[in-house]
Amino acid sequence: MEKEVQTTRVQNIFRILLAIFMIYAGVSHLTFNRIDFQAQVPDWLPMSKDLVVILSGIVEIMLGLALLFWKKQRVKIGWALGLFFILVFPGNISQYLEGRDAFGALDSDRARLIRLFFQPVLIAWALWSAGSWRAWRKTKKEV
């Protein structure tokens, strides 16, 4: 798979927006939304909820910065970010099933359920904006 793929101006804009969103989310994990993010950590996870929130915040900041600045590895970073969104999805499901409020907006079963449908959008956004999907399709055509 290619390390670098040409992306359109629209993809670049959305990639930059996603990177900024990830950095913001990561900082919020470490600071002002730390308790709210703990509501997403499933009880069955054998780690401190606070540690999970801190580690995921650090990963979000790193992925956001890498997506923003590490052009030669953008395709791989897109895949890593897509995988990250898949890995945190059980937390979102747990929050819905346990009925845990967070962020002032996730205060009803309906709001928490609607949020679940945005995870595939984030995955697609990461893969599309980084050119990861295009690079994968290109390798499939070459085979």
N, C-alpha and C. Protein backbone atom coordinates (compact mmCIF):
# COMPACT_ATOMS: atom_id res chain seq x y z
N MET A 1 0.84 -1.18 0.00
CA MET A 1 0.00 0.00 0.00
C MET A 1 0.89 1.25 0.00
N GLU A 2 0.48 2.23 -0.77
CA GLU A 2 1.25 3.47 -0.85
C GLU A 2 1.34 4.17 0.49
N LYS A 3 2.47 4.80 0.73
CA LYS A 3 2.61 5.58 1.96
C LYS A 3 1.97 6.94 1.81
N GLU A 4 2.00 7.47 0.60
CA GLU A 4 1.47 8.81 0.38
C GLU A 4 0.48 8.76 -0.78
N VAL A 5 -0.67 9.33 -0.59
CA VAL A 5 -1.72 9.36 -1.59
C VAL A 5 -2.15 10.80 -1.77
N GLN A 6 -2.40 11.18 -3.01
CA GLN A 6 -2.90 12.51 -3.27
C GLN A 6 -4.33 12.60 -2.76
N THR A 7 -4.63 13.65 -2.04
CA THR A 7 -5.98 13.90 -1.56
C THR A 7 -6.46 15.23 -2.11
N THR A 8 -7.76 15.36 -2.22
CA THR A 8 -8.36 16.58 -2.75
C THR A 8 -8.34 17.69 -1.70
N ARG A 9 -8.63 18.88 -2.15
CA ARG A 9 -8.72 20.01 -1.22
C ARG A 9 -9.81 19.76 -0.17
N VAL A 10 -10.94 19.20 -0.60
CA VAL A 10 -12.03 18.91 0.34
C VAL A 10 -11.59 17.88 1.37
N GLN A 11 -10.90 16.82 0.91
CA GLN A 11 -10.38 15.82 1.84
C GLN A 11 -9.40 16.46 2.82
N ASN A 12 -8.54 17.33 2.33
CA ASN A 12 -7.58 17.99 3.21
C ASN A 12 -8.26 18.85 4.25
N ILE A 13 -9.30 19.57 3.85
CA ILE A 13 -10.05 20.40 4.81
C ILE A 13 -10.68 19.52 5.88
N PHE A 14 -11.31 18.43 5.45
CA PHE A 14 -11.95 17.54 6.43
C PHE A 14 -10.93 16.81 7.29
N ARG A 15 -9.75 16.50 6.72
CA ARG A 15 -8.68 15.87 7.51
C ARG A 15 -8.19 16.83 8.59
N ILE A 16 -8.00 18.09 8.22
CA ILE A 16 -7.55 19.09 9.19
C ILE A 16 -8.60 19.28 10.28
N LEU A 17 -9.88 19.34 9.89
CA LEU A 17 -10.95 19.47 10.88
C LEU A 17 -10.97 18.27 11.83
N LEU A 18 -10.81 17.08 11.28
CA LEU A 18 -10.80 15.88 12.12
C LEU A 18 -9.59 15.89 13.06
N ALA A 19 -8.44 16.30 12.55
CA ALA A 19 -7.23 16.36 13.38
C ALA A 19 -7.43 17.35 14.53
N ILE A 20 -7.98 18.52 14.24
CA ILE A 20 -8.25 19.52 15.28
C ILE A 20 -9.25 18.97 16.30
N PHE A 21 -10.29 18.30 15.80
CA PHE A 21 -11.28 17.68 16.69
C PHE A 21 -10.62 16.66 17.60
N MET A 22 -9.71 15.84 17.06
CA MET A 22 -9.03 14.82 17.86
C MET A 22 -8.14 15.44 18.92
N ILE A 23 -7.41 16.48 18.55
CA ILE A 23 -6.55 17.16 19.52
C ILE A 23 -7.40 17.78 20.62
N TYR A 24 -8.49 18.44 20.25
CA TYR A 24 -9.40 19.05 21.22
C TYR A 24 -9.98 17.97 22.15
N ALA A 25 -10.45 16.87 21.55
CA ALA A 25 -11.02 15.79 22.36
C ALA A 25 -9.98 15.22 23.32
N GLY A 26 -8.75 15.05 22.83
CA GLY A 26 -7.69 14.52 23.69
C GLY A 26 -7.38 15.44 24.85
N VAL A 27 -7.30 16.74 24.58
CA VAL A 27 -7.06 17.71 25.65
C VAL A 27 -8.22 17.69 26.64
N SER A 28 -9.43 17.57 26.12
CA SER A 28 -10.60 17.55 27.02
C SER A 28 -10.61 16.28 27.88
N HIS A 29 -10.07 15.16 27.35
CA HIS A 29 -9.93 13.94 28.15
C HIS A 29 -9.05 14.20 29.37
N LEU A 30 -8.03 15.00 29.17
CA LEU A 30 -7.04 15.23 30.22
C LEU A 30 -7.43 16.36 31.17
N THR A 31 -8.42 17.15 30.79
CA THR A 31 -8.75 18.34 31.58
C THR A 31 -10.24 18.41 31.91
N PHE A 32 -10.95 19.28 31.24
CA PHE A 32 -12.30 19.68 31.66
C PHE A 32 -13.40 18.65 31.44
N ASN A 33 -13.20 17.61 30.61
CA ASN A 33 -14.24 16.58 30.42
C ASN A 33 -13.81 15.22 30.97
N ARG A 34 -12.81 15.21 31.80
CA ARG A 34 -12.24 13.95 32.28
C ARG A 34 -13.28 13.06 32.97
N ILE A 35 -14.09 13.63 33.82
CA ILE A 35 -15.12 12.85 34.54
C ILE A 35 -16.19 12.37 33.56
N ASP A 36 -16.60 13.23 32.63
CA ASP A 36 -17.61 12.83 31.65
C ASP A 36 -17.14 11.66 30.79
N PHE A 37 -15.87 11.66 30.40
CA PHE A 37 -15.35 10.56 29.60
C PHE A 37 -15.29 9.26 30.39
N GLN A 38 -15.18 9.34 31.69
CA GLN A 38 -15.16 8.12 32.51
C GLN A 38 -16.50 7.38 32.42
N ALA A 39 -17.58 8.10 32.09
CA ALA A 39 -18.89 7.46 31.93
C ALA A 39 -18.90 6.49 30.77
N GLN A 40 -17.97 6.63 29.84
CA GLN A 40 -17.92 5.75 28.68
C GLN A 40 -17.10 4.49 28.92
N VAL A 41 -16.31 4.48 29.95
CA VAL A 41 -15.45 3.32 30.20
C VAL A 41 -16.29 2.20 30.79
N PRO A 42 -16.35 1.06 30.10
CA PRO A 42 -17.17 -0.06 30.60
C PRO A 42 -16.66 -0.58 31.94
N ASP A 43 -17.58 -1.02 32.78
CA ASP A 43 -17.22 -1.57 34.09
C ASP A 43 -16.38 -2.85 33.96
N TRP A 44 -16.57 -3.59 32.86
CA TRP A 44 -15.86 -4.86 32.71
C TRP A 44 -14.39 -4.67 32.33
N LEU A 45 -13.99 -3.46 31.99
CA LEU A 45 -12.59 -3.22 31.64
C LEU A 45 -11.75 -3.27 32.92
N PRO A 46 -10.73 -4.13 32.97
CA PRO A 46 -9.98 -4.32 34.21
C PRO A 46 -8.89 -3.27 34.44
N MET A 47 -9.27 -2.01 34.28
CA MET A 47 -8.33 -0.91 34.50
C MET A 47 -9.07 0.23 35.17
N SER A 48 -8.33 1.11 35.76
CA SER A 48 -8.90 2.32 36.33
C SER A 48 -9.55 3.14 35.23
N LYS A 49 -10.78 3.60 35.46
CA LYS A 49 -11.46 4.42 34.46
C LYS A 49 -10.68 5.69 34.17
N ASP A 50 -10.10 6.27 35.19
CA ASP A 50 -9.33 7.49 35.00
C ASP A 50 -8.10 7.23 34.12
N LEU A 51 -7.43 6.10 34.35
CA LEU A 51 -6.27 5.76 33.53
C LEU A 51 -6.66 5.56 32.08
N VAL A 52 -7.78 4.89 31.84
CA VAL A 52 -8.26 4.67 30.47
C VAL A 52 -8.53 6.00 29.79
N VAL A 53 -9.15 6.93 30.51
CA VAL A 53 -9.46 8.24 29.94
C VAL A 53 -8.17 9.00 29.64
N ILE A 54 -7.22 8.95 30.54
CA ILE A 54 -5.94 9.63 30.32
C ILE A 54 -5.21 9.04 29.12
N LEU A 55 -5.10 7.72 29.07
CA LEU A 55 -4.39 7.07 27.96
C LEU A 55 -5.08 7.33 26.63
N SER A 56 -6.41 7.24 26.60
CA SER A 56 -7.12 7.49 25.34
C SER A 56 -6.97 8.95 24.93
N GLY A 57 -6.92 9.86 25.89
CA GLY A 57 -6.70 11.26 25.56
C GLY A 57 -5.33 11.49 24.94
N ILE A 58 -4.33 10.83 25.48
CA ILE A 58 -2.98 10.95 24.92
C ILE A 58 -2.94 10.38 23.51
N VAL A 59 -3.59 9.24 23.31
CA VAL A 59 -3.64 8.63 21.98
C VAL A 59 -4.36 9.56 20.99
N GLU A 60 -5.45 10.17 21.42
CA GLU A 60 -6.18 11.10 20.55
C GLU A 60 -5.32 12.29 20.14
N ILE A 61 -4.61 12.84 21.08
CA ILE A 61 -3.72 13.97 20.76
C ILE A 61 -2.65 13.53 19.77
N MET A 62 -2.04 12.38 20.01
CA MET A 62 -0.99 11.89 19.12
C MET A 62 -1.53 11.62 17.72
N LEU A 63 -2.69 10.98 17.63
CA LEU A 63 -3.28 10.70 16.32
C LEU A 63 -3.66 12.00 15.60
N GLY A 64 -4.21 12.95 16.34
CA GLY A 64 -4.57 14.23 15.74
C GLY A 64 -3.35 14.96 15.20
N LEU A 65 -2.29 15.01 16.00
CA LEU A 65 -1.06 15.67 15.54
C LEU A 65 -0.44 14.94 14.35
N ALA A 66 -0.44 13.63 14.41
CA ALA A 66 0.12 12.85 13.30
C ALA A 66 -0.70 13.06 12.03
N LEU A 67 -2.01 13.05 12.15
CA LEU A 67 -2.88 13.27 10.99
C LEU A 67 -2.65 14.65 10.39
N LEU A 68 -2.35 15.59 11.23
CA LEU A 68 -2.14 16.97 10.79
C LEU A 68 -0.77 17.17 10.13
N PHE A 69 0.26 16.55 10.69
CA PHE A 69 1.62 16.90 10.28
C PHE A 69 2.44 15.80 9.60
N TRP A 70 2.10 14.54 9.74
CA TRP A 70 2.94 13.46 9.24
C TRP A 70 2.43 12.97 7.90
N LYS A 71 2.68 13.76 6.88
CA LYS A 71 2.11 13.53 5.55
C LYS A 71 2.51 12.17 4.95
N LYS A 72 3.75 11.78 5.10
CA LYS A 72 4.22 10.54 4.48
C LYS A 72 3.56 9.28 5.08
N GLN A 73 3.04 9.41 6.26
CA GLN A 73 2.39 8.26 6.92
C GLN A 73 0.88 8.44 7.04
N ARG A 74 0.33 9.39 6.32
CA ARG A 74 -1.09 9.74 6.45
C ARG A 74 -2.02 8.55 6.22
N VAL A 75 -1.72 7.70 5.24
CA VAL A 75 -2.56 6.54 4.95
C VAL A 75 -2.62 5.62 6.17
N LYS A 76 -1.47 5.33 6.74
CA LYS A 76 -1.43 4.46 7.93
C LYS A 76 -2.11 5.13 9.13
N ILE A 77 -1.94 6.42 9.25
CA ILE A 77 -2.56 7.14 10.36
C ILE A 77 -4.08 7.10 10.22
N GLY A 78 -4.56 7.20 8.98
CA GLY A 78 -6.01 7.08 8.75
C GLY A 78 -6.53 5.73 9.22
N TRP A 79 -5.79 4.66 8.89
CA TRP A 79 -6.18 3.33 9.35
C TRP A 79 -6.10 3.22 10.87
N ALA A 80 -5.06 3.79 11.46
CA ALA A 80 -4.92 3.75 12.92
C ALA A 80 -6.07 4.50 13.60
N LEU A 81 -6.45 5.63 13.04
CA LEU A 81 -7.55 6.40 13.62
C LEU A 81 -8.87 5.66 13.46
N GLY A 82 -9.08 5.04 12.29
CA GLY A 82 -10.28 4.23 12.10
C GLY A 82 -10.34 3.09 13.11
N LEU A 83 -9.20 2.44 13.34
CA LEU A 83 -9.13 1.36 14.33
C LEU A 83 -9.40 1.90 15.74
N PHE A 84 -8.86 3.06 16.04
CA PHE A 84 -9.11 3.68 17.35
C PHE A 84 -10.61 3.90 17.56
N PHE A 85 -11.29 4.40 16.54
CA PHE A 85 -12.74 4.63 16.66
C PHE A 85 -13.48 3.31 16.87
N ILE A 86 -12.99 2.23 16.27
CA ILE A 86 -13.61 0.92 16.48
C ILE A 86 -13.36 0.45 17.92
N LEU A 87 -12.15 0.65 18.41
CA LEU A 87 -11.78 0.17 19.74
C LEU A 87 -12.52 0.90 20.86
N VAL A 88 -12.85 2.17 20.66
CA VAL A 88 -13.56 2.89 21.72
C VAL A 88 -15.08 2.73 21.62
N PHE A 89 -15.55 2.13 20.53
CA PHE A 89 -16.99 1.97 20.34
C PHE A 89 -17.67 1.16 21.46
N PRO A 90 -17.05 0.09 21.98
CA PRO A 90 -17.69 -0.61 23.10
C PRO A 90 -17.98 0.31 24.30
N GLY A 91 -17.16 1.32 24.49
CA GLY A 91 -17.42 2.30 25.55
C GLY A 91 -18.69 3.09 25.29
N ASN A 92 -18.91 3.46 24.04
CA ASN A 92 -20.12 4.18 23.68
C ASN A 92 -21.35 3.29 23.86
N ILE A 93 -21.20 2.02 23.48
CA ILE A 93 -22.31 1.07 23.67
C ILE A 93 -22.58 0.89 25.16
N SER A 94 -21.54 0.74 25.95
CA SER A 94 -21.69 0.59 27.39
C SER A 94 -22.40 1.80 28.00
N GLN A 95 -22.01 2.99 27.56
CA GLN A 95 -22.64 4.20 28.07
C GLN A 95 -24.14 4.18 27.77
N TYR A 96 -24.50 3.74 26.58
CA TYR A 96 -25.91 3.65 26.20
C TYR A 96 -26.63 2.60 27.05
N LEU A 97 -26.05 1.41 27.15
CA LEU A 97 -26.70 0.32 27.88
C LEU A 97 -26.84 0.61 29.37
N GLU A 98 -25.83 1.27 29.94
CA GLU A 98 -25.86 1.60 31.36
C GLU A 98 -26.61 2.89 31.66
N GLY A 99 -26.97 3.64 30.63
CA GLY A 99 -27.72 4.88 30.81
C GLY A 99 -26.94 5.96 31.55
N ARG A 100 -25.65 6.05 31.26
CA ARG A 100 -24.81 7.03 31.95
C ARG A 100 -24.81 8.36 31.21
N ASP A 101 -25.14 9.41 31.92
CA ASP A 101 -25.16 10.76 31.35
C ASP A 101 -23.74 11.30 31.25
N ALA A 102 -23.55 12.18 30.26
CA ALA A 102 -22.25 12.85 30.11
C ALA A 102 -22.38 14.06 29.20
N PHE A 103 -21.52 15.00 29.40
CA PHE A 103 -21.36 16.18 28.56
C PHE A 103 -22.59 17.09 28.53
N GLY A 104 -23.56 16.85 29.35
CA GLY A 104 -24.76 17.67 29.35
C GLY A 104 -25.70 17.37 28.19
N ALA A 105 -25.21 16.77 27.13
CA ALA A 105 -26.03 16.47 25.95
C ALA A 105 -26.43 15.00 25.89
N LEU A 106 -25.61 14.14 26.44
CA LEU A 106 -25.93 12.70 26.44
C LEU A 106 -26.67 12.37 27.72
N ASP A 107 -27.86 12.93 27.83
CA ASP A 107 -28.64 12.81 29.07
C ASP A 107 -29.94 12.04 28.89
N SER A 108 -30.05 11.32 27.78
CA SER A 108 -31.24 10.49 27.56
C SER A 108 -30.83 9.27 26.74
N ASP A 109 -31.64 8.22 26.83
CA ASP A 109 -31.35 7.03 26.02
C ASP A 109 -31.37 7.37 24.54
N ARG A 110 -32.27 8.24 24.14
CA ARG A 110 -32.37 8.65 22.73
C ARG A 110 -31.08 9.33 22.27
N ALA A 111 -30.56 10.26 23.05
CA ALA A 111 -29.34 10.98 22.69
C ALA A 111 -28.15 10.02 22.63
N ARG A 112 -28.07 9.10 23.60
CA ARG A 112 -26.97 8.15 23.61
C ARG A 112 -27.08 7.16 22.44
N LEU A 113 -28.29 6.80 22.06
CA LEU A 113 -28.50 5.89 20.93
C LEU A 113 -28.12 6.58 19.61
N ILE A 114 -28.56 7.80 19.43
CA ILE A 114 -28.23 8.55 18.21
C ILE A 114 -26.71 8.67 18.06
N ARG A 115 -26.04 8.88 19.16
CA ARG A 115 -24.58 9.02 19.13
C ARG A 115 -23.90 7.78 18.57
N LEU A 116 -24.46 6.61 18.82
CA LEU A 116 -23.86 5.37 18.34
C LEU A 116 -23.76 5.34 16.81
N PHE A 117 -24.70 5.98 16.15
CA PHE A 117 -24.72 5.96 14.69
C PHE A 117 -23.66 6.89 14.08
N PHE A 118 -23.05 7.72 14.89
CA PHE A 118 -22.01 8.61 14.39
C PHE A 118 -20.63 7.95 14.36
N GLN A 119 -20.46 6.83 15.05
CA GLN A 119 -19.16 6.16 15.06
C GLN A 119 -18.75 5.68 13.67
N PRO A 120 -19.65 5.04 12.91
CA PRO A 120 -19.26 4.66 11.54
C PRO A 120 -18.92 5.89 10.68
N VAL A 121 -19.56 7.01 10.94
CA VAL A 121 -19.25 8.24 10.21
C VAL A 121 -17.82 8.68 10.51
N LEU A 122 -17.42 8.60 11.78
CA LEU A 122 -16.05 8.96 12.15
C LEU A 122 -15.03 8.03 11.50
N ILE A 123 -15.35 6.76 11.46
CA ILE A 123 -14.44 5.79 10.83
C ILE A 123 -14.28 6.12 9.35
N ALA A 124 -15.40 6.32 8.67
CA ALA A 124 -15.36 6.66 7.24
C ALA A 124 -14.63 7.98 7.01
N TRP A 125 -14.88 8.95 7.88
CA TRP A 125 -14.23 10.26 7.78
C TRP A 125 -12.70 10.10 7.85
N ALA A 126 -12.23 9.32 8.80
CA ALA A 126 -10.80 9.12 8.96
C ALA A 126 -10.19 8.44 7.73
N LEU A 127 -10.84 7.38 7.26
CA LEU A 127 -10.29 6.63 6.13
C LEU A 127 -10.34 7.44 4.83
N TRP A 128 -11.42 8.18 4.63
CA TRP A 128 -11.57 8.98 3.42
C TRP A 128 -10.63 10.18 3.41
N SER A 129 -10.62 10.94 4.50
CA SER A 129 -9.86 12.20 4.51
C SER A 129 -8.35 11.97 4.49
N ALA A 130 -7.89 10.83 4.99
CA ALA A 130 -6.45 10.54 4.99
C ALA A 130 -6.01 9.85 3.69
N GLY A 131 -6.97 9.51 2.83
CA GLY A 131 -6.63 8.80 1.60
C GLY A 131 -6.42 7.31 1.81
N SER A 132 -6.71 6.82 2.99
CA SER A 132 -6.50 5.41 3.32
C SER A 132 -7.38 4.51 2.48
N TRP A 133 -8.62 4.89 2.33
CA TRP A 133 -9.56 4.09 1.55
C TRP A 133 -9.12 4.02 0.09
N ARG A 134 -8.72 5.17 -0.46
CA ARG A 134 -8.27 5.23 -1.85
C ARG A 134 -7.02 4.36 -2.04
N ALA A 135 -6.09 4.42 -1.11
CA ALA A 135 -4.86 3.62 -1.21
C ALA A 135 -5.19 2.13 -1.18
N TRP A 136 -6.12 1.73 -0.34
CA TRP A 136 -6.51 0.33 -0.24
C TRP A 136 -7.18 -0.14 -1.53
N ARG A 137 -8.09 0.70 -2.06
CA ARG A 137 -8.77 0.35 -3.32
C ARG A 137 -7.77 0.22 -4.46
N LYS A 138 -6.78 1.10 -4.46
CA LYS A 138 -5.76 1.07 -5.51
C LYS A 138 -4.97 -0.24 -5.47
N THR A 139 -4.64 -0.73 -4.29
CA THR A 139 -3.90 -1.99 -4.17
C THR A 139 -4.77 -3.16 -4.62
N LYS A 140 -6.07 -3.08 -4.43
CA LYS A 140 -6.98 -4.14 -4.84
C LYS A 140 -7.08 -4.21 -6.37
N LYS A 141 -7.00 -3.05 -7.02
CA LYS A 141 -7.06 -3.01 -8.49
C LYS A 141 -5.79 -3.55 -9.11
N GLU A 142 -4.67 -3.39 -8.40
CA GLU A 142 -3.39 -3.84 -8.92
C GLU A 142 -3.21 -5.35 -8.81
N VAL A 143 -3.98 -5.99 -7.97
CA VAL A 143 -3.83 -7.43 -7.74
C VAL A 143 -4.48 -8.24 -8.83
